[in-house]
Amino acid sequence: MKDRVLAWMSLNGPSLGIVVLIVVTLIMLSGCNTVAGMGTDITKSAEWTKDKMSGSKDQPTKKDTTK
């Protein structure tokens, strides 16, 4: 696979290969933010589930007051 990628880069010129490499790197780095956001969502849902399972039904839920 690596040989095919390197061959493709050399066939289309070195500048195109560098552009493709930069674009792929940027896409991979943007994925890091998505994973971090997903981790936050999973943590919040786990806390919510833990609260519900512990029997805290009588406690009022937090409401978002920022509008």
Protein backbone atom coordinates (compact mmCIF):
# COMPACT_ATOMS: atom_id res chain seq x y z
CA MET A 1 0.00 0.00 0.00
CA LYS A 2 2.79 2.39 0.93
CA ASP A 3 4.52 1.69 -2.37
CA ARG A 4 1.34 2.52 -4.29
CA VAL A 5 0.95 5.82 -2.46
CA LEU A 6 4.57 6.76 -3.05
CA ALA A 7 4.30 5.78 -6.73
CA TRP A 8 1.14 7.86 -7.13
CA MET A 9 2.83 10.86 -5.52
CA SER A 10 5.85 10.60 -7.81
CA LEU A 11 3.73 10.15 -10.95
CA ASN A 12 1.73 13.33 -10.34
CA GLY A 13 4.62 15.51 -9.24
CA PRO A 14 6.08 16.19 -5.83
CA SER A 15 4.00 19.30 -5.14
CA LEU A 16 0.71 17.38 -5.48
CA GLY A 17 2.02 14.69 -3.16
CA ILE A 18 2.87 17.28 -0.52
CA VAL A 19 -0.59 18.84 -0.82
CA VAL A 20 -2.24 15.44 -0.41
CA LEU A 21 -0.06 14.69 2.61
CA ILE A 22 -0.97 18.02 4.23
CA VAL A 23 -4.69 17.49 3.58
CA VAL A 24 -4.62 13.98 5.06
CA THR A 25 -2.73 15.28 8.11
CA LEU A 26 -5.28 18.06 8.64
CA ILE A 27 -8.17 15.62 8.38
CA MET A 28 -6.54 13.35 10.96
CA LEU A 29 -5.92 16.28 13.31
CA SER A 30 -9.50 17.49 13.01
CA GLY A 31 -10.63 14.01 14.01
CA CYS A 32 -8.88 14.50 17.36
CA ASN A 33 -11.33 17.26 18.27
CA THR A 34 -14.22 15.01 17.37
CA VAL A 35 -12.91 12.21 19.57
CA ALA A 36 -12.39 14.61 22.48
CA GLY A 37 -15.95 15.89 22.10
CA MET A 38 -17.27 12.35 21.97
CA GLY A 39 -15.38 11.56 25.17
CA THR A 40 -17.07 14.47 26.92
CA ASP A 41 -20.49 13.31 25.71
CA ILE A 42 -19.84 9.77 26.88
CA THR A 43 -18.70 11.02 30.29
CA LYS A 44 -21.83 13.14 30.71
CA SER A 45 -24.12 10.30 29.68
CA ALA A 46 -22.32 7.94 32.09
CA GLU A 47 -22.80 10.42 34.94
CA TRP A 48 -26.49 10.79 34.05
CA THR A 49 -26.92 7.02 33.98
CA LYS A 50 -25.11 6.65 37.31
CA ASP A 51 -27.39 9.27 38.88
CA LYS A 52 -30.50 7.51 37.54
CA MET A 53 -29.33 4.09 38.69
CA SER A 54 -28.42 5.31 42.17
CA GLY A 55 -32.05 6.25 42.78
CA SER A 56 -31.73 10.02 42.80
CA LYS A 57 -35.19 10.42 41.23
CA ASP A 58 -36.30 12.83 43.95
CA GLN A 59 -33.58 15.35 43.21
CA PRO A 60 -34.45 18.02 40.67
CA THR A 61 -32.55 17.92 37.42
CA LYS A 62 -30.23 20.75 36.52
CA LYS A 63 -31.75 23.16 34.06
CA ASP A 64 -29.77 25.23 31.62
CA THR A 65 -30.32 28.84 32.66
CA THR A 66 -28.07 30.36 30.00
CA LYS A 67 -30.14 31.68 27.15
